[in-house]
């Protein structure tokens, strides 16, 4: 079963320049690596949702601050269906 990644920024002034994943599909136990760059705004956060393939269930929600240069990289384990 694959997972669908949905990435959204929580701070309106911050716009993502690039977002990438290490793979297109994931199976149980895989490592999901999300990385990217955004126009850095002090105090901004990146919000991330990982959804199941039918987009009917949120499997993971996270928020984190990017580096001062606007870059970010986060890793998650694909845990399978919720």
PDB file of N, CA and C in Angstrom:
ATOM      1  N   UNK A   1       0.845  -1.170   0.000  1.00  0.00           N
ATOM      2  CA  UNK A   1       0.000   0.000   0.000  1.00  0.00           C
ATOM      3  C   UNK A   1       0.892   1.235   0.000  1.00  0.00           C
ATOM      4  N   UNK A   2       0.632   2.172  -0.847  1.00  0.00           N
ATOM      5  CA  UNK A   2       1.403   3.402  -0.898  1.00  0.00           C
ATOM      6  C   UNK A   2       0.811   4.456   0.012  1.00  0.00           C
ATOM      7  N   UNK A   3       1.562   5.483   0.267  1.00  0.00           N
ATOM      8  CA  UNK A   3       1.105   6.614   1.047  1.00  0.00           C
ATOM      9  C   UNK A   3       1.111   7.847   0.169  1.00  0.00           C
ATOM     10  N   UNK A   4       0.256   8.791   0.457  1.00  0.00           N
ATOM     11  CA  UNK A   4       0.233  10.058  -0.259  1.00  0.00           C
ATOM     12  C   UNK A   4       0.735  11.125   0.692  1.00  0.00           C
ATOM     13  N   UNK A   5       1.630  11.967   0.226  1.00  0.00           N
ATOM     14  CA  UNK A   5       2.167  13.048   1.034  1.00  0.00           C
ATOM     15  C   UNK A   5       1.456  14.341   0.657  1.00  0.00           C
ATOM     16  N   UNK A   6       0.989  15.056   1.652  1.00  0.00           N
ATOM     17  CA  UNK A   6       0.389  16.364   1.442  1.00  0.00           C
ATOM     18  C   UNK A   6       1.149  17.352   2.305  1.00  0.00           C
ATOM     19  N   UNK A   7       1.780  18.329   1.696  1.00  0.00           N
ATOM     20  CA  UNK A   7       2.569  19.299   2.435  1.00  0.00           C
ATOM     21  C   UNK A   7       1.926  20.658   2.335  1.00  0.00           C
ATOM     22  N   UNK A   8       1.759  21.298   3.472  1.00  0.00           N
ATOM     23  CA  UNK A   8       1.191  22.644   3.468  1.00  0.00           C
ATOM     24  C   UNK A   8       1.979  23.518   4.424  1.00  0.00           C
ATOM     25  N   UNK A   9       2.061  24.792   4.100  1.00  0.00           N
ATOM     26  CA  UNK A   9       2.733  25.747   4.966  1.00  0.00           C
ATOM     27  C   UNK A   9       1.699  26.440   5.825  1.00  0.00           C
ATOM     28  N   UNK A  10       2.003  26.593   7.113  1.00  0.00           N
ATOM     29  CA  UNK A  10       1.041  27.153   8.039  1.00  0.00           C
ATOM     30  C   UNK A  10       1.106  28.677   8.121  1.00  0.00           C
ATOM     31  N   UNK A  11       2.171  29.276   7.662  1.00  0.00           N
ATOM     32  CA  UNK A  11       2.315  30.725   7.726  1.00  0.00           C
ATOM     33  C   UNK A  11       2.141  31.283   6.324  1.00  0.00           C
ATOM     34  N   UNK A  12       1.161  32.122   6.131  1.00  0.00           N
ATOM     35  CA  UNK A  12       0.830  32.627   4.797  1.00  0.00           C
ATOM     36  C   UNK A  12       2.003  33.309   4.099  1.00  0.00           C
ATOM     37  N   UNK A  13       2.824  34.148   4.795  1.00  0.00           N
ATOM     38  CA  UNK A  13       3.919  34.809   4.082  1.00  0.00           C
ATOM     39  C   UNK A  13       4.997  33.852   3.561  1.00  0.00           C
ATOM     40  N   UNK A  14       5.077  32.646   4.123  1.00  0.00           N
ATOM     41  CA  UNK A  14       6.113  31.709   3.704  1.00  0.00           C
ATOM     42  C   UNK A  14       5.613  30.897   2.511  1.00  0.00           C
ATOM     43  N   UNK A  15       6.330  30.944   1.409  1.00  0.00           N
ATOM     44  CA  UNK A  15       5.951  30.198   0.217  1.00  0.00           C
ATOM     45  C   UNK A  15       7.046  29.177  -0.088  1.00  0.00           C
ATOM     46  N   UNK A  16       6.670  27.945  -0.311  1.00  0.00           N
ATOM     47  CA  UNK A  16       7.638  26.909  -0.615  1.00  0.00           C
ATOM     48  C   UNK A  16       8.177  27.093  -2.019  1.00  0.00           C
ATOM     49  N   UNK A  17       9.496  27.150  -2.142  1.00  0.00           N
ATOM     50  CA  UNK A  17      10.132  27.220  -3.454  1.00  0.00           C
ATOM     51  C   UNK A  17      10.265  25.826  -4.047  1.00  0.00           C
ATOM     52  N   UNK A  18      10.669  24.870  -3.215  1.00  0.00           N
ATOM     53  CA  UNK A  18      10.801  23.477  -3.656  1.00  0.00           C
ATOM     54  C   UNK A  18      10.372  22.539  -2.537  1.00  0.00           C
ATOM     55  N   UNK A  19       9.790  21.418  -2.926  1.00  0.00           N
ATOM     56  CA  UNK A  19       9.454  20.336  -2.007  1.00  0.00           C
ATOM     57  C   UNK A  19       9.750  19.042  -2.744  1.00  0.00           C
ATOM     58  N   UNK A  20      10.461  18.123  -2.098  1.00  0.00           N
ATOM     59  CA  UNK A  20      10.751  16.850  -2.747  1.00  0.00           C
ATOM     60  C   UNK A  20      10.657  15.701  -1.750  1.00  0.00           C
ATOM     61  N   UNK A  21      10.432  14.515  -2.298  1.00  0.00           N
ATOM     62  CA  UNK A  21      10.371  13.274  -1.529  1.00  0.00           C
ATOM     63  C   UNK A  21      11.448  12.342  -2.048  1.00  0.00           C
ATOM     64  N   UNK A  22      11.899  11.432  -1.209  1.00  0.00           N
ATOM     65  CA  UNK A  22      12.932  10.495  -1.642  1.00  0.00           C
ATOM     66  C   UNK A  22      12.387   9.381  -2.526  1.00  0.00           C
ATOM     67  N   UNK A  23      11.067   9.149  -2.530  1.00  0.00           N
ATOM     68  CA  UNK A  23      10.432   8.135  -3.371  1.00  0.00           C
ATOM     69  C   UNK A  23       9.046   8.620  -3.754  1.00  0.00           C
ATOM     70  N   UNK A  24       8.403   7.925  -4.699  1.00  0.00           N
ATOM     71  CA  UNK A  24       7.027   8.263  -5.060  1.00  0.00           C
ATOM     72  C   UNK A  24       6.006   7.413  -4.318  1.00  0.00           C
ATOM     73  N   UNK A  25       6.369   6.180  -3.952  1.00  0.00           N
ATOM     74  CA  UNK A  25       5.485   5.284  -3.218  1.00  0.00           C
ATOM     75  C   UNK A  25       6.261   4.687  -2.058  1.00  0.00           C
ATOM     76  N   UNK A  26       5.534   4.373  -0.999  1.00  0.00           N
ATOM     77  CA  UNK A  26       6.153   3.824   0.204  1.00  0.00           C
ATOM     78  C   UNK A  26       5.394   2.593   0.648  1.00  0.00           C
ATOM     79  N   UNK A  27       6.127   1.653   1.250  1.00  0.00           N
ATOM     80  CA  UNK A  27       5.507   0.487   1.856  1.00  0.00           C
ATOM     81  C   UNK A  27       5.908   0.458   3.331  1.00  0.00           C
ATOM     82  N   UNK A  28       5.238  -0.382   4.085  1.00  0.00           N
ATOM     83  CA  UNK A  28       5.486  -0.504   5.514  1.00  0.00           C
ATOM     84  C   UNK A  28       6.978  -0.603   5.807  1.00  0.00           C
ATOM     85  N   UNK A  29       7.460   0.226   6.708  1.00  0.00           N
ATOM     86  CA  UNK A  29       8.856   0.185   7.125  1.00  0.00           C
ATOM     87  C   UNK A  29       9.779   1.104   6.350  1.00  0.00           C
ATOM     88  N   UNK A  30       9.341   1.615   5.199  1.00  0.00           N
ATOM     89  CA  UNK A  30      10.162   2.548   4.424  1.00  0.00           C
ATOM     90  C   UNK A  30      10.363   3.847   5.213  1.00  0.00           C
ATOM     91  N   UNK A  31      11.433   4.549   4.885  1.00  0.00           N
ATOM     92  CA  UNK A  31      11.661   5.876   5.437  1.00  0.00           C
ATOM     93  C   UNK A  31      11.219   6.919   4.422  1.00  0.00           C
ATOM     94  N   UNK A  32      10.324   7.785   4.851  1.00  0.00           N
ATOM     95  CA  UNK A  32       9.833   8.890   4.026  1.00  0.00           C
ATOM     96  C   UNK A  32      10.689  10.108   4.365  1.00  0.00           C
ATOM     97  N   UNK A  33      11.378  10.662   3.372  1.00  0.00           N
ATOM     98  CA  UNK A  33      12.200  11.856   3.584  1.00  0.00           C
ATOM     99  C   UNK A  33      11.584  12.997   2.779  1.00  0.00           C
ATOM    100  N   UNK A  34      11.182  14.041   3.488  1.00  0.00           N
ATOM    101  CA  UNK A  34      10.605  15.236   2.882  1.00  0.00           C
ATOM    102  C   UNK A  34      11.628  16.357   3.045  1.00  0.00           C
ATOM    103  N   UNK A  35      11.983  17.006   1.944  1.00  0.00           N
ATOM    104  CA  UNK A  35      12.932  18.119   2.033  1.00  0.00           C
ATOM    105  C   UNK A  35      12.481  19.228   1.100  1.00  0.00           C
ATOM    106  N   UNK A  36      12.989  20.413   1.354  1.00  0.00           N
ATOM    107  CA  UNK A  36      12.628  21.531   0.512  1.00  0.00           C
ATOM    108  C   UNK A  36      13.246  22.830   0.969  1.00  0.00           C
ATOM    109  N   UNK A  37      12.856  23.879   0.302  1.00  0.00           N
ATOM    110  CA  UNK A  37      13.289  25.233   0.615  1.00  0.00           C
ATOM    111  C   UNK A  37      12.094  26.153   0.527  1.00  0.00           C
ATOM    112  N   UNK A  38      12.101  27.170   1.359  1.00  0.00           N
ATOM    113  CA  UNK A  38      11.066  28.186   1.302  1.00  0.00           C
ATOM    114  C   UNK A  38      11.693  29.546   1.564  1.00  0.00           C
ATOM    115  N   UNK A  39      10.960  30.577   1.235  1.00  0.00           N
ATOM    116  CA  UNK A  39      11.395  31.919   1.554  1.00  0.00           C
ATOM    117  C   UNK A  39      11.235  32.070   3.059  1.00  0.00           C
ATOM    118  N   UNK A  40      12.358  32.188   3.759  1.00  0.00           N
ATOM    119  CA  UNK A  40      12.344  32.157   5.221  1.00  0.00           C
ATOM    120  C   UNK A  40      11.715  33.417   5.794  1.00  0.00           C
ATOM    121  N   UNK A  41      10.780  33.209   6.723  1.00  0.00           N
ATOM    122  CA  UNK A  41      10.186  34.276   7.504  1.00  0.00           C
ATOM    123  C   UNK A  41      10.392  33.888   8.961  1.00  0.00           C
ATOM    124  N   UNK A  42      11.070  34.729   9.727  1.00  0.00           N
ATOM    125  CA  UNK A  42      11.347  34.388  11.127  1.00  0.00           C
ATOM    126  C   UNK A  42      10.058  34.011  11.846  1.00  0.00           C
ATOM    127  N   UNK A  43      10.123  32.913  12.596  1.00  0.00           N
ATOM    128  CA  UNK A  43       8.971  32.435  13.340  1.00  0.00           C
ATOM    129  C   UNK A  43       8.028  31.565  12.530  1.00  0.00           C
ATOM    130  N   UNK A  44       8.354  31.305  11.259  1.00  0.00           N
ATOM    131  CA  UNK A  44       7.474  30.483  10.427  1.00  0.00           C
ATOM    132  C   UNK A  44       7.660  29.002  10.730  1.00  0.00           C
ATOM    133  N   UNK A  45       6.643  28.235  10.456  1.00  0.00           N
ATOM    134  CA  UNK A  45       6.667  26.791  10.617  1.00  0.00           C
ATOM    135  C   UNK A  45       6.250  26.142   9.309  1.00  0.00           C
ATOM    136  N   UNK A  46       6.732  24.937   9.094  1.00  0.00           N
ATOM    137  CA  UNK A  46       6.274  24.098   8.000  1.00  0.00           C
ATOM    138  C   UNK A  46       5.282  23.117   8.612  1.00  0.00           C
ATOM    139  N   UNK A  47       4.111  22.978   7.988  1.00  0.00           N
ATOM    140  CA  UNK A  47       3.125  21.996   8.421  1.00  0.00           C
ATOM    141  C   UNK A  47       3.084  20.855   7.425  1.00  0.00           C
ATOM    142  N   UNK A  48       3.000  19.628   7.919  1.00  0.00           N
ATOM    143  CA  UNK A  48       3.046  18.469   7.040  1.00  0.00           C
ATOM    144  C   UNK A  48       1.964  17.485   7.434  1.00  0.00           C
ATOM    145  N   UNK A  49       1.273  16.936   6.438  1.00  0.00           N
ATOM    146  CA  UNK A  49       0.304  15.869   6.653  1.00  0.00           C
ATOM    147  C   UNK A  49       0.682  14.699   5.766  1.00  0.00           C
ATOM    148  N   UNK A  50       0.652  13.496   6.312  1.00  0.00           N
ATOM    149  CA  UNK A  50       0.824  12.280   5.522  1.00  0.00           C
ATOM    150  C   UNK A  50      -0.529  11.573   5.528  1.00  0.00           C
ATOM    151  N   UNK A  51      -1.074  11.364   4.314  1.00  0.00           N
ATOM    152  CA  UNK A  51      -2.405  10.785   4.154  1.00  0.00           C
ATOM    153  C   UNK A  51      -2.326   9.382   3.569  1.00  0.00           C
ATOM    154  N   UNK A  52      -3.370   8.585   3.806  1.00  0.00           N
ATOM    155  CA  UNK A  52      -3.444   7.285   3.147  1.00  0.00           C
ATOM    156  C   UNK A  52      -3.769   7.492   1.665  1.00  0.00           C
ATOM    157  N   UNK A  53      -3.610   6.458   0.831  1.00  0.00           N
ATOM    158  CA  UNK A  53      -3.794   6.634  -0.625  1.00  0.00           C
ATOM    159  C   UNK A  53      -5.155   7.187  -1.039  1.00  0.00           C
ATOM    160  N   UNK A  54      -6.207   6.874  -0.302  1.00  0.00           N
ATOM    161  CA  UNK A  54      -7.532   7.380  -0.669  1.00  0.00           C
ATOM    162  C   UNK A  54      -7.789   8.777  -0.099  1.00  0.00           C
ATOM    163  N   UNK A  55      -6.809   9.313   0.612  1.00  0.00           N
ATOM    164  CA  UNK A  55      -6.904  10.636   1.255  1.00  0.00           C
ATOM    165  C   UNK A  55      -8.049  10.711   2.262  1.00  0.00           C
ATOM    166  N   UNK A  56      -8.482   9.559   2.783  1.00  0.00           N
ATOM    167  CA  UNK A  56      -9.595   9.529   3.721  1.00  0.00           C
ATOM    168  C   UNK A  56      -9.144   9.547   5.172  1.00  0.00           C
ATOM    169  N   UNK A  57      -7.839   9.400   5.411  1.00  0.00           N
ATOM    170  CA  UNK A  57      -7.345   9.321   6.783  1.00  0.00           C
ATOM    171  C   UNK A  57      -5.975   9.985   6.874  1.00  0.00           C
ATOM    172  N   UNK A  58      -5.804  10.823   7.871  1.00  0.00           N
ATOM    173  CA  UNK A  58      -4.499  11.438   8.131  1.00  0.00           C
ATOM    174  C   UNK A  58      -3.691  10.467   8.979  1.00  0.00           C
ATOM    175  N   UNK A  59      -2.527  10.057   8.475  1.00  0.00           N
ATOM    176  CA  UNK A  59      -1.683   9.113   9.191  1.00  0.00           C
ATOM    177  C   UNK A  59      -0.694   9.813  10.118  1.00  0.00           C
ATOM    178  N   UNK A  60      -0.203  10.976   9.715  1.00  0.00           N
ATOM    179  CA  UNK A  60       0.756  11.740  10.508  1.00  0.00           C
ATOM    180  C   UNK A  60       0.543  13.223  10.266  1.00  0.00           C
ATOM    181  N   UNK A  61       0.646  13.999  11.328  1.00  0.00           N
ATOM    182  CA  UNK A  61       0.667  15.461  11.234  1.00  0.00           C
ATOM    183  C   UNK A  61       1.903  15.925  11.983  1.00  0.00           C
ATOM    184  N   UNK A  62       2.635  16.863  11.408  1.00  0.00           N
ATOM    185  CA  UNK A  62       3.826  17.401  12.055  1.00  0.00           C
ATOM    186  C   UNK A  62       3.962  18.872  11.704  1.00  0.00           C
ATOM    187  N   UNK A  63       4.630  19.604  12.553  1.00  0.00           N
ATOM    188  CA  UNK A  63       5.020  20.969  12.220  1.00  0.00           C
ATOM    189  C   UNK A  63       6.404  21.206  12.802  1.00  0.00           C
ATOM    190  N   UNK A  64       7.195  21.965  12.083  1.00  0.00           N
ATOM    191  CA  UNK A  64       8.574  22.203  12.493  1.00  0.00           C
ATOM    192  C   UNK A  64       9.064  23.500  11.868  1.00  0.00           C
ATOM    193  N   UNK A  65      10.130  24.044  12.451  1.00  0.00           N
ATOM    194  CA  UNK A  65      10.721  25.260  11.908  1.00  0.00           C
ATOM    195  C   UNK A  65      11.791  24.894  10.891  1.00  0.00           C
ATOM    196  N   UNK A  66      11.847  25.624   9.775  1.00  0.00           N
ATOM    197  CA  UNK A  66      12.931  25.414   8.806  1.00  0.00           C
ATOM    198  C   UNK A  66      14.222  26.021   9.345  1.00  0.00           C
ATOM    199  N   UNK A  67      15.332  25.694   8.689  1.00  0.00           N
ATOM    200  CA  UNK A  67      16.609  26.323   9.022  1.00  0.00           C
ATOM    201  C   UNK A  67      16.534  27.805   8.688  1.00  0.00           C
ATOM    202  N   UNK A  68      17.474  28.593   9.196  1.00  0.00           N
ATOM    203  CA  UNK A  68      17.487  30.040   8.924  1.00  0.00           C
ATOM    204  C   UNK A  68      17.640  30.365   7.444  1.00  0.00           C
ATOM    205  N   UNK A  69      18.184  29.439   6.657  1.00  0.00           N
ATOM    206  CA  UNK A  69      18.311  29.675   5.211  1.00  0.00           C
ATOM    207  C   UNK A  69      17.066  29.220   4.443  1.00  0.00           C
ATOM    208  N   UNK A  70      16.050  28.741   5.163  1.00  0.00           N
ATOM    209  CA  UNK A  70      14.798  28.334   4.541  1.00  0.00           C
ATOM    210  C   UNK A  70      14.726  26.868   4.170  1.00  0.00           C
ATOM    211  N   UNK A  71      15.799  26.117   4.369  1.00  0.00           N
ATOM    212  CA  UNK A  71      15.784  24.696   3.996  1.00  0.00           C
ATOM    213  C   UNK A  71      15.201  23.847   5.131  1.00  0.00           C
ATOM    214  N   UNK A  72      14.657  22.691   4.770  1.00  0.00           N
ATOM    215  CA  UNK A  72      14.157  21.751   5.765  1.00  0.00           C
ATOM    216  C   UNK A  72      14.269  20.333   5.227  1.00  0.00           C
ATOM    217  N   UNK A  73      14.476  19.392   6.134  1.00  0.00           N
ATOM    218  CA  UNK A  73      14.477  17.952   5.834  1.00  0.00           C
ATOM    219  C   UNK A  73      13.928  17.243   7.055  1.00  0.00           C
ATOM    220  N   UNK A  74      12.947  16.390   6.846  1.00  0.00           N
ATOM    221  CA  UNK A  74      12.370  15.596   7.925  1.00  0.00           C
ATOM    222  C   UNK A  74      12.200  14.168   7.442  1.00  0.00           C
ATOM    223  N   UNK A  75      12.363  13.216   8.352  1.00  0.00           N
ATOM    224  CA  UNK A  75      12.219  11.796   8.035  1.00  0.00           C
ATOM    225  C   UNK A  75      11.118  11.178   8.905  1.00  0.00           C
ATOM    226  N   UNK A  76      10.378  10.265   8.297  1.00  0.00           N
ATOM    227  CA  UNK A  76       9.293   9.555   8.991  1.00  0.00           C
ATOM    228  C   UNK A  76       9.330   8.106   8.561  1.00  0.00           C
ATOM    229  N   UNK A  77       8.901   7.211   9.439  1.00  0.00           N
ATOM    230  CA  UNK A  77       8.756   5.792   9.111  1.00  0.00           C
ATOM    231  C   UNK A  77       7.348   5.543   8.595  1.00  0.00           C
ATOM    232  N   UNK A  78       7.224   4.854   7.461  1.00  0.00           N
ATOM    233  CA  UNK A  78       5.912   4.456   6.952  1.00  0.00           C
ATOM    234  C   UNK A  78       5.396   3.344   7.870  1.00  0.00           C
ATOM    235  N   UNK A  79       4.335   3.630   8.570  1.00  0.00           N
ATOM    236  CA  UNK A  79       3.808   2.711   9.584  1.00  0.00           C
ATOM    237  C   UNK A  79       2.686   1.825   9.072  1.00  0.00           C
ATOM    238  N   UNK A  80       2.303   1.988   7.829  1.00  0.00           N
ATOM    239  CA  UNK A  80       1.207   1.181   7.294  1.00  0.00           C
ATOM    240  C   UNK A  80      -0.127   1.824   7.546  1.00  0.00           C
ATOM    241  N   UNK A  81      -1.210   1.137   7.212  1.00  0.00           N
ATOM    242  CA  UNK A  81      -2.538   1.721   7.370  1.00  0.00           C
ATOM    243  C   UNK A  81      -2.852   2.018   8.817  1.00  0.00           C
ATOM    244  N   UNK A  82      -3.610   3.065   9.034  1.00  0.00           N
ATOM    245  CA  UNK A  82      -3.998   3.449  10.395  1.00  0.00           C
ATOM    246  C   UNK A  82      -5.251   2.723  10.790  1.00  0.00           C
TER     247      UNK A  82
END
